[in-house]
Amino acid sequence: MLLVLVLAGLVPGLATVWLLRRRGWVLALLAGLGVTVSLPGLLLVAMIAFPPLGIAVALAALVAALRAYDDGRVLIGTAWAATAVIALGCAGVAL
């Protein structure tokens, strides 16, 4: 699941670089970096504007955290747990 999320975040940036390569590689790389960096911000804004999305993301992150902890991957599990807390905060759920 983590690999799919990483690819989902990188593909729009790579597509932007590929489409703008004729205008110069520096501009293309900067545009691709901007698109890639803006996606997490867009997700945060979407979770604030639509709280059920934040709750759904939090539940998915909690399931991923529990699976990571069961597999012994503490660092990955902690990252997923932090993602769940951020998503719940965006949804307005007080912990």
N, C-alpha and C. Protein backbone atom coordinates (compact mmCIF):
# COMPACT_ATOMS: atom_id res chain seq x y z
N MET A 1 0.82 -1.19 0.00
CA MET A 1 0.00 0.00 0.00
C MET A 1 0.87 1.26 0.00
N LEU A 2 1.96 1.20 0.73
CA LEU A 2 2.85 2.36 0.79
C LEU A 2 3.46 2.64 -0.58
N LEU A 3 3.81 1.60 -1.30
CA LEU A 3 4.38 1.76 -2.64
C LEU A 3 3.37 2.41 -3.58
N VAL A 4 2.12 2.03 -3.48
CA VAL A 4 1.07 2.61 -4.33
C VAL A 4 0.91 4.10 -4.02
N LEU A 5 0.95 4.45 -2.73
CA LEU A 5 0.84 5.86 -2.35
C LEU A 5 2.02 6.68 -2.85
N VAL A 6 3.20 6.12 -2.77
CA VAL A 6 4.39 6.83 -3.26
C VAL A 6 4.29 7.03 -4.77
N LEU A 7 3.89 6.00 -5.48
CA LEU A 7 3.75 6.13 -6.93
C LEU A 7 2.66 7.12 -7.30
N ALA A 8 1.57 7.13 -6.53
CA ALA A 8 0.48 8.07 -6.81
C ALA A 8 0.94 9.51 -6.60
N GLY A 9 1.86 9.71 -5.68
CA GLY A 9 2.38 11.06 -5.46
C GLY A 9 3.42 11.48 -6.47
N LEU A 10 4.17 10.53 -7.00
CA LEU A 10 5.26 10.86 -7.93
C LEU A 10 4.84 10.90 -9.39
N VAL A 11 3.84 10.15 -9.78
CA VAL A 11 3.45 10.05 -11.19
C VAL A 11 3.03 11.40 -11.77
N PRO A 12 2.21 12.22 -11.09
CA PRO A 12 1.87 13.52 -11.69
C PRO A 12 3.09 14.41 -11.90
N GLY A 13 4.03 14.38 -10.98
CA GLY A 13 5.25 15.17 -11.14
C GLY A 13 6.10 14.67 -12.30
N LEU A 14 6.21 13.36 -12.44
CA LEU A 14 6.98 12.80 -13.55
C LEU A 14 6.29 13.10 -14.89
N ALA A 15 4.97 13.04 -14.90
CA ALA A 15 4.24 13.36 -16.14
C ALA A 15 4.43 14.83 -16.51
N THR A 16 4.45 15.70 -15.50
CA THR A 16 4.67 17.12 -15.76
C THR A 16 6.05 17.35 -16.34
N VAL A 17 7.05 16.70 -15.77
CA VAL A 17 8.42 16.82 -16.31
C VAL A 17 8.46 16.34 -17.75
N TRP A 18 7.83 15.21 -18.03
CA TRP A 18 7.86 14.65 -19.38
C TRP A 18 7.18 15.58 -20.39
N LEU A 19 6.06 16.19 -19.99
CA LEU A 19 5.33 17.06 -20.91
C LEU A 19 6.03 18.40 -21.13
N LEU A 20 6.78 18.89 -20.15
CA LEU A 20 7.42 20.20 -20.28
C LEU A 20 8.90 20.12 -20.65
N ARG A 21 9.39 18.97 -21.00
CA ARG A 21 10.83 18.82 -21.28
C ARG A 21 11.28 19.64 -22.49
N ARG A 22 10.37 19.97 -23.39
CA ARG A 22 10.74 20.75 -24.57
C ARG A 22 11.01 22.21 -24.23
N ARG A 23 10.52 22.68 -23.09
CA ARG A 23 10.73 24.07 -22.68
C ARG A 23 11.99 24.24 -21.84
N GLY A 24 12.73 23.20 -21.68
CA GLY A 24 13.96 23.25 -20.90
C GLY A 24 13.85 22.35 -19.68
N TRP A 25 14.95 21.68 -19.38
CA TRP A 25 14.92 20.71 -18.29
C TRP A 25 14.80 21.38 -16.92
N VAL A 26 15.36 22.56 -16.77
CA VAL A 26 15.27 23.24 -15.47
C VAL A 26 13.82 23.59 -15.17
N LEU A 27 13.13 24.19 -16.11
CA LEU A 27 11.72 24.53 -15.93
C LEU A 27 10.88 23.28 -15.72
N ALA A 28 11.17 22.25 -16.48
CA ALA A 28 10.41 21.01 -16.35
C ALA A 28 10.60 20.38 -14.98
N LEU A 29 11.83 20.35 -14.48
CA LEU A 29 12.09 19.78 -13.16
C LEU A 29 11.46 20.61 -12.05
N LEU A 30 11.50 21.92 -12.17
CA LEU A 30 10.88 22.77 -11.16
C LEU A 30 9.35 22.60 -11.16
N ALA A 31 8.75 22.50 -12.33
CA ALA A 31 7.30 22.29 -12.41
C ALA A 31 6.92 20.93 -11.84
N GLY A 32 7.69 19.91 -12.16
CA GLY A 32 7.43 18.57 -11.62
C GLY A 32 7.57 18.52 -10.12
N LEU A 33 8.57 19.22 -9.59
CA LEU A 33 8.76 19.29 -8.14
C LEU A 33 7.59 20.02 -7.49
N GLY A 34 7.12 21.09 -8.12
CA GLY A 34 5.98 21.83 -7.58
C GLY A 34 4.72 20.99 -7.54
N VAL A 35 4.47 20.23 -8.59
CA VAL A 35 3.28 19.37 -8.63
C VAL A 35 3.39 18.29 -7.56
N THR A 36 4.56 17.69 -7.42
CA THR A 36 4.75 16.62 -6.44
C THR A 36 4.59 17.13 -5.02
N VAL A 37 5.10 18.31 -4.73
CA VAL A 37 5.03 18.86 -3.38
C VAL A 37 3.62 19.35 -3.05
N SER A 38 2.88 19.78 -4.05
CA SER A 38 1.54 20.32 -3.78
C SER A 38 0.50 19.24 -3.50
N LEU A 39 0.74 18.01 -3.88
CA LEU A 39 -0.26 16.96 -3.69
C LEU A 39 -0.59 16.68 -2.22
N PRO A 40 0.39 16.58 -1.31
CA PRO A 40 0.01 16.40 0.10
C PRO A 40 -0.79 17.58 0.64
N GLY A 41 -0.47 18.78 0.23
CA GLY A 41 -1.24 19.95 0.66
C GLY A 41 -2.67 19.89 0.15
N LEU A 42 -2.84 19.43 -1.07
CA LEU A 42 -4.18 19.29 -1.63
C LEU A 42 -4.98 18.25 -0.85
N LEU A 43 -4.34 17.17 -0.44
CA LEU A 43 -5.02 16.15 0.35
C LEU A 43 -5.44 16.72 1.71
N LEU A 44 -4.56 17.51 2.33
CA LEU A 44 -4.91 18.12 3.62
C LEU A 44 -6.10 19.06 3.48
N VAL A 45 -6.10 19.88 2.45
CA VAL A 45 -7.21 20.80 2.23
C VAL A 45 -8.50 20.03 1.95
N ALA A 46 -8.40 18.95 1.19
CA ALA A 46 -9.59 18.14 0.89
C ALA A 46 -10.14 17.49 2.15
N MET A 47 -9.26 17.05 3.07
CA MET A 47 -9.74 16.45 4.31
C MET A 47 -10.37 17.49 5.23
N ILE A 48 -9.89 18.73 5.19
CA ILE A 48 -10.49 19.79 5.99
C ILE A 48 -11.86 20.16 5.41
N ALA A 49 -11.96 20.25 4.11
CA ALA A 49 -13.21 20.64 3.46
C ALA A 49 -14.26 19.53 3.51
N PHE A 50 -13.84 18.29 3.52
CA PHE A 50 -14.76 17.15 3.51
C PHE A 50 -14.34 16.17 4.60
N PRO A 51 -14.81 16.37 5.85
CA PRO A 51 -14.36 15.57 6.99
C PRO A 51 -14.51 14.05 6.84
N PRO A 52 -15.54 13.52 6.16
CA PRO A 52 -15.58 12.06 6.01
C PRO A 52 -14.36 11.49 5.28
N LEU A 53 -13.78 12.27 4.39
CA LEU A 53 -12.55 11.83 3.73
C LEU A 53 -11.42 11.69 4.75
N GLY A 54 -11.33 12.63 5.68
CA GLY A 54 -10.32 12.55 6.72
C GLY A 54 -10.50 11.33 7.60
N ILE A 55 -11.74 11.02 7.92
CA ILE A 55 -12.01 9.83 8.75
C ILE A 55 -11.67 8.56 7.98
N ALA A 56 -11.98 8.52 6.69
CA ALA A 56 -11.65 7.34 5.87
C ALA A 56 -10.14 7.16 5.75
N VAL A 57 -9.43 8.25 5.55
CA VAL A 57 -7.96 8.17 5.47
C VAL A 57 -7.40 7.72 6.80
N ALA A 58 -7.95 8.22 7.90
CA ALA A 58 -7.48 7.83 9.22
C ALA A 58 -7.70 6.34 9.49
N LEU A 59 -8.86 5.83 9.11
CA LEU A 59 -9.12 4.41 9.30
C LEU A 59 -8.17 3.54 8.48
N ALA A 60 -7.95 3.93 7.23
CA ALA A 60 -7.01 3.18 6.39
C ALA A 60 -5.60 3.24 6.96
N ALA A 61 -5.20 4.41 7.47
CA ALA A 61 -3.87 4.54 8.05
C ALA A 61 -3.73 3.73 9.34
N LEU A 62 -4.80 3.66 10.13
CA LEU A 62 -4.75 2.85 11.35
C LEU A 62 -4.61 1.37 11.03
N VAL A 63 -5.32 0.91 10.02
CA VAL A 63 -5.19 -0.50 9.61
C VAL A 63 -3.77 -0.77 9.12
N ALA A 64 -3.22 0.14 8.33
CA ALA A 64 -1.85 -0.03 7.84
C ALA A 64 -0.85 0.02 9.00
N ALA A 65 -1.10 0.86 9.99
CA ALA A 65 -0.21 0.94 11.15
C ALA A 65 -0.24 -0.36 11.95
N LEU A 66 -1.42 -0.89 12.16
CA LEU A 66 -1.52 -2.15 12.91
C LEU A 66 -0.82 -3.29 12.18
N ARG A 67 -0.98 -3.34 10.88
CA ARG A 67 -0.30 -4.40 10.11
C ARG A 67 1.22 -4.23 10.16
N ALA A 68 1.68 -2.99 10.09
CA ALA A 68 3.13 -2.74 10.16
C ALA A 68 3.67 -3.13 11.53
N TYR A 69 2.94 -2.79 12.59
CA TYR A 69 3.38 -3.17 13.94
C TYR A 69 3.38 -4.69 14.09
N ASP A 70 2.40 -5.37 13.52
CA ASP A 70 2.37 -6.83 13.59
C ASP A 70 3.54 -7.46 12.86
N ASP A 71 3.99 -6.82 11.78
CA ASP A 71 5.13 -7.34 11.02
C ASP A 71 6.46 -6.96 11.65
N GLY A 72 6.44 -6.14 12.70
CA GLY A 72 7.67 -5.74 13.37
C GLY A 72 8.32 -4.52 12.78
N ARG A 73 7.65 -3.81 11.90
CA ARG A 73 8.19 -2.59 11.29
C ARG A 73 7.68 -1.39 12.08
N VAL A 74 8.40 -1.08 13.15
CA VAL A 74 7.95 -0.07 14.09
C VAL A 74 7.97 1.33 13.47
N LEU A 75 9.01 1.66 12.74
CA LEU A 75 9.10 3.00 12.15
C LEU A 75 7.98 3.25 11.14
N ILE A 76 7.71 2.28 10.30
CA ILE A 76 6.62 2.42 9.32
C ILE A 76 5.27 2.51 10.04
N GLY A 77 5.08 1.69 11.07
CA GLY A 77 3.84 1.74 11.83
C GLY A 77 3.64 3.08 12.50
N THR A 78 4.71 3.66 13.02
CA THR A 78 4.62 4.97 13.66
C THR A 78 4.29 6.04 12.63
N ALA A 79 4.84 5.95 11.44
CA ALA A 79 4.52 6.92 10.38
C ALA A 79 3.05 6.83 10.00
N TRP A 80 2.52 5.61 9.90
CA TRP A 80 1.10 5.45 9.58
C TRP A 80 0.22 5.96 10.72
N ALA A 81 0.64 5.73 11.96
CA ALA A 81 -0.13 6.24 13.10
C ALA A 81 -0.14 7.76 13.12
N ALA A 82 0.99 8.38 12.80
CA ALA A 82 1.04 9.84 12.72
C ALA A 82 0.14 10.35 11.60
N THR A 83 0.09 9.63 10.50
CA THR A 83 -0.80 10.00 9.40
C THR A 83 -2.26 9.94 9.85
N ALA A 84 -2.59 8.94 10.63
CA ALA A 84 -3.96 8.82 11.14
C ALA A 84 -4.31 9.98 12.06
N VAL A 85 -3.37 10.38 12.91
CA VAL A 85 -3.62 11.50 13.82
C VAL A 85 -3.80 12.80 13.04
N ILE A 86 -2.99 13.02 12.02
CA ILE A 86 -3.12 14.22 11.20
C ILE A 86 -4.46 14.22 10.47
N ALA A 87 -4.85 13.07 9.92
CA ALA A 87 -6.12 12.98 9.20
C ALA A 87 -7.30 13.23 10.13
N LEU A 88 -7.24 12.70 11.35
CA LEU A 88 -8.31 12.95 12.30
C LEU A 88 -8.34 14.43 12.71
N GLY A 89 -7.19 15.03 12.84
CA GLY A 89 -7.14 16.46 13.15
C GLY A 89 -7.74 17.29 12.05
N CYS A 90 -7.48 16.93 10.80
CA CYS A 90 -8.07 17.64 9.67
C CYS A 90 -9.59 17.46 9.63
N ALA A 91 -10.05 16.29 10.06
CA ALA A 91 -11.49 16.03 10.05
C ALA A 91 -12.19 16.68 11.23
N GLY A 92 -11.43 17.22 12.16
CA GLY A 92 -12.03 17.89 13.31
C GLY A 92 -12.37 16.98 14.45
N VAL A 93 -11.80 15.79 14.49
CA VAL A 93 -12.04 14.86 15.58
C VAL A 93 -11.04 15.14 16.68
N ALA A 94 -11.54 15.45 17.87
CA ALA A 94 -10.67 15.73 19.01
C ALA A 94 -10.26 14.42 19.66
N LEU A 95 -8.97 14.27 19.87
CA LEU A 95 -8.49 13.03 20.50
C LEU A 95 -8.38 13.20 21.99
